[in-house]
Structures are given as C-alpha cells and as structure tokens.
Amino acid sequence: LGKPISRQRIVSVIPIILGVAMACFGDMSYTALGFLITVACIVLAALKVVASGEMLTGDIKLHPVDLLAHMAPLAMFQCLVLSFLT
C-alpha cells in the first residue's frame, strides 16, 4: 500500500508462513482447492487488519469499542450463515 515494511516485521511473519505451509503440505488430504481457500483466508484476514488499523488511526479515528460494535454484528452474521451451510 505504498508504505515501507521493516525487516523485523518481515522476519516475524516468516514462521507464520512456514507453519501454514507445513500444515498444508503435511495434511494427508491436501488439495489445491483447500490451499487456495487457505491463502484467500489469510489475504482477507490481512486486509481486515489493515482496514481496522486505518479506521482506528486514519481520517475516521474510531474508538476501539466503536470499531468492535461495527465489526461484531457482521462477524456474527457470517458465523451464523456459515454454520447453517455446513
């Protein structure tokens, strides 16, 4: 997003990447679809963190409790929908 990433932050993310790779390749029922879904989830989680950080420190400057009040109902709705679909 145009911001420099420190070497310390990159090094701290490497164990997470390796752990996800080991979990994917160590599983006996590995599929390419499962791997792609995992990658998509990681990307979406990272985007959520970036968006939350922007809302807390950017132009909006929400209070953390206000951010939680906005995000929690959406998360509950997602959990309910997925629980009924599976």
PDB file of N, CA and C in Angstrom:
ATOM      1  N   LEU A   1       0.807  -1.191   0.000  1.00  0.00           N
ATOM      2  CA  LEU A   1       0.000   0.000   0.000  1.00  0.00           C
ATOM      3  C   LEU A   1       0.848   1.251   0.000  1.00  0.00           C
ATOM      4  N   GLY A   2       2.069   1.114  -0.481  1.00  0.00           N
ATOM      5  CA  GLY A   2       2.927   2.280  -0.576  1.00  0.00           C
ATOM      6  C   GLY A   2       3.742   2.577   0.669  1.00  0.00           C
ATOM      7  N   LYS A   3       3.548   1.800   1.736  1.00  0.00           N
ATOM      8  CA  LYS A   3       4.292   2.033   2.964  1.00  0.00           C
ATOM      9  C   LYS A   3       5.452   1.039   3.046  1.00  0.00           C
ATOM     10  N   PRO A   4       6.603   1.488   3.509  1.00  0.00           N
ATOM     11  CA  PRO A   4       7.729   0.549   3.647  1.00  0.00           C
ATOM     12  C   PRO A   4       7.474  -0.439   4.786  1.00  0.00           C
ATOM     13  N   ILE A   5       7.960  -1.654   4.588  1.00  0.00           N
ATOM     14  CA  ILE A   5       7.816  -2.701   5.600  1.00  0.00           C
ATOM     15  C   ILE A   5       9.193  -2.965   6.190  1.00  0.00           C
ATOM     16  N   SER A   6       9.276  -2.940   7.505  1.00  0.00           N
ATOM     17  CA  SER A   6      10.572  -3.125   8.156  1.00  0.00           C
ATOM     18  C   SER A   6      11.030  -4.575   8.045  1.00  0.00           C
ATOM     19  N   ARG A   7      12.326  -4.746   8.089  1.00  0.00           N
ATOM     20  CA  ARG A   7      12.913  -6.087   8.017  1.00  0.00           C
ATOM     21  C   ARG A   7      12.471  -6.932   9.218  1.00  0.00           C
ATOM     22  N   GLN A   8      12.340  -6.296  10.392  1.00  0.00           N
ATOM     23  CA  GLN A   8      11.914  -7.011  11.597  1.00  0.00           C
ATOM     24  C   GLN A   8      10.502  -7.580  11.423  1.00  0.00           C
ATOM     25  N   ARG A   9       9.620  -6.816  10.798  1.00  0.00           N
ATOM     26  CA  ARG A   9       8.254  -7.286  10.579  1.00  0.00           C
ATOM     27  C   ARG A   9       8.236  -8.448   9.590  1.00  0.00           C
ATOM     28  N   ILE A  10       9.038  -8.365   8.539  1.00  0.00           N
ATOM     29  CA  ILE A  10       9.098  -9.447   7.559  1.00  0.00           C
ATOM     30  C   ILE A  10       9.619 -10.718   8.215  1.00  0.00           C
ATOM     31  N   VAL A  11      10.659 -10.584   9.022  1.00  0.00           N
ATOM     32  CA  VAL A  11      11.234 -11.758   9.696  1.00  0.00           C
ATOM     33  C   VAL A  11      10.235 -12.361  10.681  1.00  0.00           C
ATOM     34  N   SER A  12       9.420 -11.536  11.322  1.00  0.00           N
ATOM     35  CA  SER A  12       8.460 -12.066  12.287  1.00  0.00           C
ATOM     36  C   SER A  12       7.305 -12.800  11.606  1.00  0.00           C
ATOM     37  N   VAL A  13       7.055 -12.529  10.330  1.00  0.00           N
ATOM     38  CA  VAL A  13       5.973 -13.194   9.617  1.00  0.00           C
ATOM     39  C   VAL A  13       6.428 -14.529   9.015  1.00  0.00           C
ATOM     40  N   ILE A  14       7.714 -14.717   8.830  1.00  0.00           N
ATOM     41  CA  ILE A  14       8.234 -15.945   8.209  1.00  0.00           C
ATOM     42  C   ILE A  14       7.804 -17.204   8.968  1.00  0.00           C
ATOM     43  N   PRO A  15       7.856 -17.277  10.311  1.00  0.00           N
ATOM     44  CA  PRO A  15       7.396 -18.501  10.981  1.00  0.00           C
ATOM     45  C   PRO A  15       5.915 -18.802  10.731  1.00  0.00           C
ATOM     46  N   ILE A  16       5.112 -17.774  10.582  1.00  0.00           N
ATOM     47  CA  ILE A  16       3.692 -17.993  10.293  1.00  0.00           C
ATOM     48  C   ILE A  16       3.531 -18.597   8.908  1.00  0.00           C
ATOM     49  N   ILE A  17       4.256 -18.066   7.950  1.00  0.00           N
ATOM     50  CA  ILE A  17       4.195 -18.589   6.583  1.00  0.00           C
ATOM     51  C   ILE A  17       4.663 -20.036   6.552  1.00  0.00           C
ATOM     52  N   LEU A  18       5.748 -20.329   7.243  1.00  0.00           N
ATOM     53  CA  LEU A  18       6.250 -21.706   7.281  1.00  0.00           C
ATOM     54  C   LEU A  18       5.262 -22.644   7.970  1.00  0.00           C
ATOM     55  N   GLY A  19       4.629 -22.179   9.043  1.00  0.00           N
ATOM     56  CA  GLY A  19       3.648 -23.002   9.744  1.00  0.00           C
ATOM     57  C   GLY A  19       2.448 -23.338   8.869  1.00  0.00           C
ATOM     58  N   VAL A  20       1.963 -22.355   8.132  1.00  0.00           N
ATOM     59  CA  VAL A  20       0.838 -22.604   7.221  1.00  0.00           C
ATOM     60  C   VAL A  20       1.267 -23.564   6.117  1.00  0.00           C
ATOM     61  N   ALA A  21       2.469 -23.378   5.585  1.00  0.00           N
ATOM     62  CA  ALA A  21       2.962 -24.277   4.540  1.00  0.00           C
ATOM     63  C   ALA A  21       3.094 -25.701   5.061  1.00  0.00           C
ATOM     64  N   MET A  22       3.617 -25.863   6.283  1.00  0.00           N
ATOM     65  CA  MET A  22       3.749 -27.213   6.855  1.00  0.00           C
ATOM     66  C   MET A  22       2.384 -27.844   7.098  1.00  0.00           C
ATOM     67  N   ALA A  23       1.420 -27.057   7.547  1.00  0.00           N
ATOM     68  CA  ALA A  23       0.079 -27.590   7.780  1.00  0.00           C
ATOM     69  C   ALA A  23      -0.563 -28.027   6.469  1.00  0.00           C
ATOM     70  N   CYS A  24      -0.334 -27.271   5.423  1.00  0.00           N
ATOM     71  CA  CYS A  24      -0.930 -27.619   4.127  1.00  0.00           C
ATOM     72  C   CYS A  24      -0.259 -28.843   3.507  1.00  0.00           C
ATOM     73  N   PHE A  25       1.051 -28.892   3.541  1.00  0.00           N
ATOM     74  CA  PHE A  25       1.759 -29.991   2.903  1.00  0.00           C
ATOM     75  C   PHE A  25       1.825 -31.232   3.780  1.00  0.00           C
ATOM     76  N   GLY A  26       1.618 -31.106   5.081  1.00  0.00           N
ATOM     77  CA  GLY A  26       1.657 -32.255   5.966  1.00  0.00           C
ATOM     78  C   GLY A  26       0.340 -32.992   6.063  1.00  0.00           C
ATOM     79  N   ASP A  27      -0.711 -32.375   5.578  1.00  0.00           N
ATOM     80  CA  ASP A  27      -2.039 -32.976   5.658  1.00  0.00           C
ATOM     81  C   ASP A  27      -2.168 -34.080   4.612  1.00  0.00           C
ATOM     82  N   MET A  28      -2.738 -35.217   5.012  1.00  0.00           N
ATOM     83  CA  MET A  28      -2.891 -36.349   4.096  1.00  0.00           C
ATOM     84  C   MET A  28      -3.943 -36.066   3.029  1.00  0.00           C
ATOM     85  N   SER A  29      -4.878 -35.191   3.308  1.00  0.00           N
ATOM     86  CA  SER A  29      -5.928 -34.906   2.334  1.00  0.00           C
ATOM     87  C   SER A  29      -5.711 -33.535   1.688  1.00  0.00           C
ATOM     88  N   TYR A  30      -4.490 -33.240   1.349  1.00  0.00           N
ATOM     89  CA  TYR A  30      -4.154 -31.959   0.732  1.00  0.00           C
ATOM     90  C   TYR A  30      -4.805 -31.853  -0.644  1.00  0.00           C
ATOM     91  N   THR A  31      -5.441 -30.731  -0.903  1.00  0.00           N
ATOM     92  CA  THR A  31      -5.985 -30.439  -2.227  1.00  0.00           C
ATOM     93  C   THR A  31      -5.605 -29.015  -2.598  1.00  0.00           C
ATOM     94  N   ALA A  32      -5.531 -28.782  -3.873  1.00  0.00           N
ATOM     95  CA  ALA A  32      -5.207 -27.435  -4.343  1.00  0.00           C
ATOM     96  C   ALA A  32      -6.314 -26.455  -3.948  1.00  0.00           C
ATOM     97  N   LEU A  33      -7.556 -26.913  -3.970  1.00  0.00           N
ATOM     98  CA  LEU A  33      -8.666 -26.048  -3.584  1.00  0.00           C
ATOM     99  C   LEU A  33      -8.547 -25.630  -2.124  1.00  0.00           C
ATOM    100  N   GLY A  34      -8.224 -26.575  -1.252  1.00  0.00           N
ATOM    101  CA  GLY A  34      -8.037 -26.252   0.159  1.00  0.00           C
ATOM    102  C   GLY A  34      -6.915 -25.247   0.370  1.00  0.00           C
ATOM    103  N   PHE A  35      -5.835 -25.422  -0.385  1.00  0.00           N
ATOM    104  CA  PHE A  35      -4.711 -24.494  -0.292  1.00  0.00           C
ATOM    105  C   PHE A  35      -5.131 -23.101  -0.740  1.00  0.00           C
ATOM    106  N   LEU A  36      -5.867 -23.011  -1.838  1.00  0.00           N
ATOM    107  CA  LEU A  36      -6.311 -21.716  -2.344  1.00  0.00           C
ATOM    108  C   LEU A  36      -7.277 -21.040  -1.367  1.00  0.00           C
ATOM    109  N   ILE A  37      -8.139 -21.820  -0.737  1.00  0.00           N
ATOM    110  CA  ILE A  37      -9.050 -21.251   0.255  1.00  0.00           C
ATOM    111  C   ILE A  37      -8.261 -20.719   1.452  1.00  0.00           C
ATOM    112  N   THR A  38      -7.242 -21.464   1.876  1.00  0.00           N
ATOM    113  CA  THR A  38      -6.398 -21.018   2.984  1.00  0.00           C
ATOM    114  C   THR A  38      -5.691 -19.705   2.643  1.00  0.00           C
ATOM    115  N   VAL A  39      -5.136 -19.632   1.444  1.00  0.00           N
ATOM    116  CA  VAL A  39      -4.457 -18.408   1.013  1.00  0.00           C
ATOM    117  C   VAL A  39      -5.446 -17.247   0.963  1.00  0.00           C
ATOM    118  N   ALA A  40      -6.658 -17.488   0.445  1.00  0.00           N
ATOM    119  CA  ALA A  40      -7.673 -16.434   0.384  1.00  0.00           C
ATOM    120  C   ALA A  40      -8.042 -15.954   1.785  1.00  0.00           C
ATOM    121  N   CYS A  41      -8.169 -16.881   2.732  1.00  0.00           N
ATOM    122  CA  CYS A  41      -8.497 -16.500   4.112  1.00  0.00           C
ATOM    123  C   CYS A  41      -7.396 -15.655   4.733  1.00  0.00           C
ATOM    124  N   ILE A  42      -6.156 -16.010   4.464  1.00  0.00           N
ATOM    125  CA  ILE A  42      -5.034 -15.246   5.010  1.00  0.00           C
ATOM    126  C   ILE A  42      -5.011 -13.838   4.422  1.00  0.00           C
ATOM    127  N   VAL A  43      -5.238 -13.727   3.121  1.00  0.00           N
ATOM    128  CA  VAL A  43      -5.252 -12.413   2.473  1.00  0.00           C
ATOM    129  C   VAL A  43      -6.393 -11.565   3.025  1.00  0.00           C
ATOM    130  N   LEU A  44      -7.584 -12.163   3.164  1.00  0.00           N
ATOM    131  CA  LEU A  44      -8.720 -11.411   3.689  1.00  0.00           C
ATOM    132  C   LEU A  44      -8.499 -10.996   5.147  1.00  0.00           C
ATOM    133  N   ALA A  45      -7.890 -11.867   5.943  1.00  0.00           N
ATOM    134  CA  ALA A  45      -7.591 -11.503   7.334  1.00  0.00           C
ATOM    135  C   ALA A  45      -6.597 -10.345   7.388  1.00  0.00           C
ATOM    136  N   ALA A  46      -5.606 -10.372   6.501  1.00  0.00           N
ATOM    137  CA  ALA A  46      -4.632  -9.268   6.455  1.00  0.00           C
ATOM    138  C   ALA A  46      -5.308  -7.969   6.043  1.00  0.00           C
ATOM    139  N   LEU A  47      -6.217  -8.042   5.074  1.00  0.00           N
ATOM    140  CA  LEU A  47      -6.942  -6.841   4.659  1.00  0.00           C
ATOM    141  C   LEU A  47      -7.812  -6.300   5.787  1.00  0.00           C
ATOM    142  N   LYS A  48      -8.389  -7.198   6.581  1.00  0.00           N
ATOM    143  CA  LYS A  48      -9.205  -6.766   7.724  1.00  0.00           C
ATOM    144  C   LYS A  48      -8.345  -6.022   8.747  1.00  0.00           C
ATOM    145  N   VAL A  49      -7.148  -6.530   8.989  1.00  0.00           N
ATOM    146  CA  VAL A  49      -6.243  -5.871   9.931  1.00  0.00           C
ATOM    147  C   VAL A  49      -5.853  -4.485   9.420  1.00  0.00           C
ATOM    148  N   VAL A  50      -5.554  -4.393   8.130  1.00  0.00           N
ATOM    149  CA  VAL A  50      -5.174  -3.101   7.551  1.00  0.00           C
ATOM    150  C   VAL A  50      -6.356  -2.131   7.619  1.00  0.00           C
ATOM    151  N   ALA A  51      -7.556  -2.607   7.261  1.00  0.00           N
ATOM    152  CA  ALA A  51      -8.741  -1.744   7.304  1.00  0.00           C
ATOM    153  C   ALA A  51      -9.040  -1.294   8.729  1.00  0.00           C
ATOM    154  N   SER A  52      -8.922  -2.200   9.686  1.00  0.00           N
ATOM    155  CA  SER A  52      -9.162  -1.840  11.086  1.00  0.00           C
ATOM    156  C   SER A  52      -8.153  -0.796  11.556  1.00  0.00           C
ATOM    157  N   GLY A  53      -6.907  -0.974  11.194  1.00  0.00           N
ATOM    158  CA  GLY A  53      -5.874  -0.005  11.562  1.00  0.00           C
ATOM    159  C   GLY A  53      -6.137   1.359  10.963  1.00  0.00           C
ATOM    160  N   GLU A  54      -6.602   1.363   9.704  1.00  0.00           N
ATOM    161  CA  GLU A  54      -6.941   2.637   9.064  1.00  0.00           C
ATOM    162  C   GLU A  54      -8.103   3.307   9.768  1.00  0.00           C
ATOM    163  N   MET A  55      -9.110   2.526  10.166  1.00  0.00           N
ATOM    164  CA  MET A  55     -10.265   3.106  10.849  1.00  0.00           C
ATOM    165  C   MET A  55      -9.907   3.622  12.237  1.00  0.00           C
ATOM    166  N   LEU A  56      -8.917   3.016  12.866  1.00  0.00           N
ATOM    167  CA  LEU A  56      -8.518   3.454  14.205  1.00  0.00           C
ATOM    168  C   LEU A  56      -7.589   4.665  14.166  1.00  0.00           C
ATOM    169  N   THR A  57      -6.752   4.762  13.121  1.00  0.00           N
ATOM    170  CA  THR A  57      -5.747   5.826  13.102  1.00  0.00           C
ATOM    171  C   THR A  57      -5.881   6.776  11.926  1.00  0.00           C
ATOM    172  N   GLY A  58      -6.705   6.461  10.935  1.00  0.00           N
ATOM    173  CA  GLY A  58      -6.835   7.296   9.740  1.00  0.00           C
ATOM    174  C   GLY A  58      -7.745   8.492   9.967  1.00  0.00           C
ATOM    175  N   ASP A  59      -8.431   8.879   8.899  1.00  0.00           N
ATOM    176  CA  ASP A  59      -9.316  10.047   8.960  1.00  0.00           C
ATOM    177  C   ASP A  59     -10.511   9.817   9.872  1.00  0.00           C
ATOM    178  N   ILE A  60     -10.982   8.560   9.948  1.00  0.00           N
ATOM    179  CA  ILE A  60     -12.183   8.269  10.736  1.00  0.00           C
ATOM    180  C   ILE A  60     -11.897   8.317  12.235  1.00  0.00           C
ATOM    181  N   LYS A  61     -10.779   7.744  12.654  1.00  0.00           N
ATOM    182  CA  LYS A  61     -10.344   7.703  14.062  1.00  0.00           C
ATOM    183  C   LYS A  61     -11.446   7.206  15.001  1.00  0.00           C
ATOM    184  N   LEU A  62     -11.904   5.988  14.740  1.00  0.00           N
ATOM    185  CA  LEU A  62     -12.899   5.374  15.620  1.00  0.00           C
ATOM    186  C   LEU A  62     -12.262   4.955  16.938  1.00  0.00           C
ATOM    187  N   HIS A  63     -13.068   4.960  17.984  1.00  0.00           N
ATOM    188  CA  HIS A  63     -12.635   4.395  19.261  1.00  0.00           C
ATOM    189  C   HIS A  63     -12.653   2.870  19.090  1.00  0.00           C
ATOM    190  N   PRO A  64     -11.742   2.132  19.729  1.00  0.00           N
ATOM    191  CA  PRO A  64     -11.717   0.677  19.570  1.00  0.00           C
ATOM    192  C   PRO A  64     -13.057  -0.008  19.884  1.00  0.00           C
ATOM    193  N   VAL A  65     -13.783   0.502  20.861  1.00  0.00           N
ATOM    194  CA  VAL A  65     -15.078  -0.099  21.195  1.00  0.00           C
ATOM    195  C   VAL A  65     -16.090   0.166  20.074  1.00  0.00           C
ATOM    196  N   ASP A  66     -16.028   1.329  19.459  1.00  0.00           N
ATOM    197  CA  ASP A  66     -16.908   1.626  18.328  1.00  0.00           C
ATOM    198  C   ASP A  66     -16.606   0.720  17.145  1.00  0.00           C
ATOM    199  N   LEU A  67     -15.328   0.490  16.896  1.00  0.00           N
ATOM    200  CA  LEU A  67     -14.949  -0.424  15.815  1.00  0.00           C
ATOM    201  C   LEU A  67     -15.479  -1.820  16.097  1.00  0.00           C
ATOM    202  N   LEU A  68     -15.332  -2.267  17.324  1.00  0.00           N
ATOM    203  CA  LEU A  68     -15.852  -3.578  17.705  1.00  0.00           C
ATOM    204  C   LEU A  68     -17.362  -3.640  17.545  1.00  0.00           C
ATOM    205  N   ALA A  69     -18.060  -2.562  17.900  1.00  0.00           N
ATOM    206  CA  ALA A  69     -19.515  -2.521  17.762  1.00  0.00           C
ATOM    207  C   ALA A  69     -19.943  -2.620  16.301  1.00  0.00           C
ATOM    208  N   HIS A  70     -19.117  -2.108  15.391  1.00  0.00           N
ATOM    209  CA  HIS A  70     -19.435  -2.202  13.962  1.00  0.00           C
ATOM    210  C   HIS A  70     -19.076  -3.559  13.380  1.00  0.00           C
ATOM    211  N   MET A  71     -17.988  -4.150  13.847  1.00  0.00           N
ATOM    212  CA  MET A  71     -17.496  -5.398  13.260  1.00  0.00           C
ATOM    213  C   MET A  71     -18.172  -6.639  13.833  1.00  0.00           C
ATOM    214  N   ALA A  72     -18.537  -6.622  15.097  1.00  0.00           N
ATOM    215  CA  ALA A  72     -19.080  -7.817  15.753  1.00  0.00           C
ATOM    216  C   ALA A  72     -20.388  -8.311  15.120  1.00  0.00           C
ATOM    217  N   PRO A  73     -21.356  -7.448  14.825  1.00  0.00           N
ATOM    218  CA  PRO A  73     -22.583  -7.966  14.192  1.00  0.00           C
ATOM    219  C   PRO A  73     -22.317  -8.604  12.828  1.00  0.00           C
ATOM    220  N   LEU A  74     -21.388  -8.043  12.067  1.00  0.00           N
ATOM    221  CA  LEU A  74     -21.052  -8.637  10.767  1.00  0.00           C
ATOM    222  C   LEU A  74     -20.403 -10.005  10.941  1.00  0.00           C
ATOM    223  N   ALA A  75     -19.528 -10.118  11.924  1.00  0.00           N
ATOM    224  CA  ALA A  75     -18.883 -11.405  12.192  1.00  0.00           C
ATOM    225  C   ALA A  75     -19.893 -12.438  12.665  1.00  0.00           C
ATOM    226  N   MET A  76     -20.853 -12.010  13.507  1.00  0.00           N
ATOM    227  CA  MET A  76     -21.883 -12.932  13.977  1.00  0.00           C
ATOM    228  C   MET A  76     -22.739 -13.413  12.809  1.00  0.00           C
ATOM    229  N   PHE A  77     -23.107 -12.510  11.919  1.00  0.00           N
ATOM    230  CA  PHE A  77     -23.908 -12.879  10.757  1.00  0.00           C
ATOM    231  C   PHE A  77     -23.160 -13.884   9.888  1.00  0.00           C
ATOM    232  N   GLN A  78     -21.872 -13.635   9.667  1.00  0.00           N
ATOM    233  CA  GLN A  78     -21.056 -14.554   8.873  1.00  0.00           C
ATOM    234  C   GLN A  78     -20.984 -15.929   9.534  1.00  0.00           C
ATOM    235  N   CYS A  79     -20.789 -15.966  10.845  1.00  0.00           N
ATOM    236  CA  CYS A  79     -20.714 -17.248  11.555  1.00  0.00           C
ATOM    237  C   CYS A  79     -22.039 -18.006  11.475  1.00  0.00           C
ATOM    238  N   LEU A  80     -23.147 -17.293  11.633  1.00  0.00           N
ATOM    239  CA  LEU A  80     -24.447 -17.953  11.550  1.00  0.00           C
ATOM    240  C   LEU A  80     -24.717 -18.512  10.162  1.00  0.00           C
ATOM    241  N   VAL A  81     -24.440 -17.738   9.145  1.00  0.00           N
ATOM    242  CA  VAL A  81     -24.654 -18.216   7.773  1.00  0.00           C
ATOM    243  C   VAL A  81     -23.798 -19.441   7.497  1.00  0.00           C
ATOM    244  N   LEU A  82     -22.515 -19.368   7.850  1.00  0.00           N
ATOM    245  CA  LEU A  82     -21.623 -20.499   7.591  1.00  0.00           C
ATOM    246  C   LEU A  82     -21.993 -21.715   8.422  1.00  0.00           C
ATOM    247  N   SER A  83     -22.512 -21.519   9.628  1.00  0.00           N
ATOM    248  CA  SER A  83     -22.900 -22.668  10.446  1.00  0.00           C
ATOM    249  C   SER A  83     -24.104 -23.397   9.843  1.00  0.00           C
ATOM    250  N   PHE A  84     -25.014 -22.649   9.218  1.00  0.00           N
ATOM    251  CA  PHE A  84     -26.149 -23.296   8.590  1.00  0.00           C
ATOM    252  C   PHE A  84     -25.787 -23.944   7.263  1.00  0.00           C
ATOM    253  N   LEU A  85     -24.760 -23.449   6.599  1.00  0.00           N
ATOM    254  CA  LEU A  85     -24.348 -24.009   5.308  1.00  0.00           C
ATOM    255  C   LEU A  85     -23.489 -25.267   5.447  1.00  0.00           C
ATOM    256  N   THR A  86     -22.884 -25.457   6.612  1.00  0.00           N
ATOM    257  CA  THR A  86     -22.000 -26.628   6.754  1.00  0.00           C
ATOM    258  C   THR A  86     -22.609 -27.700   7.595  1.00  0.00           C
TER     259      THR A  86
END
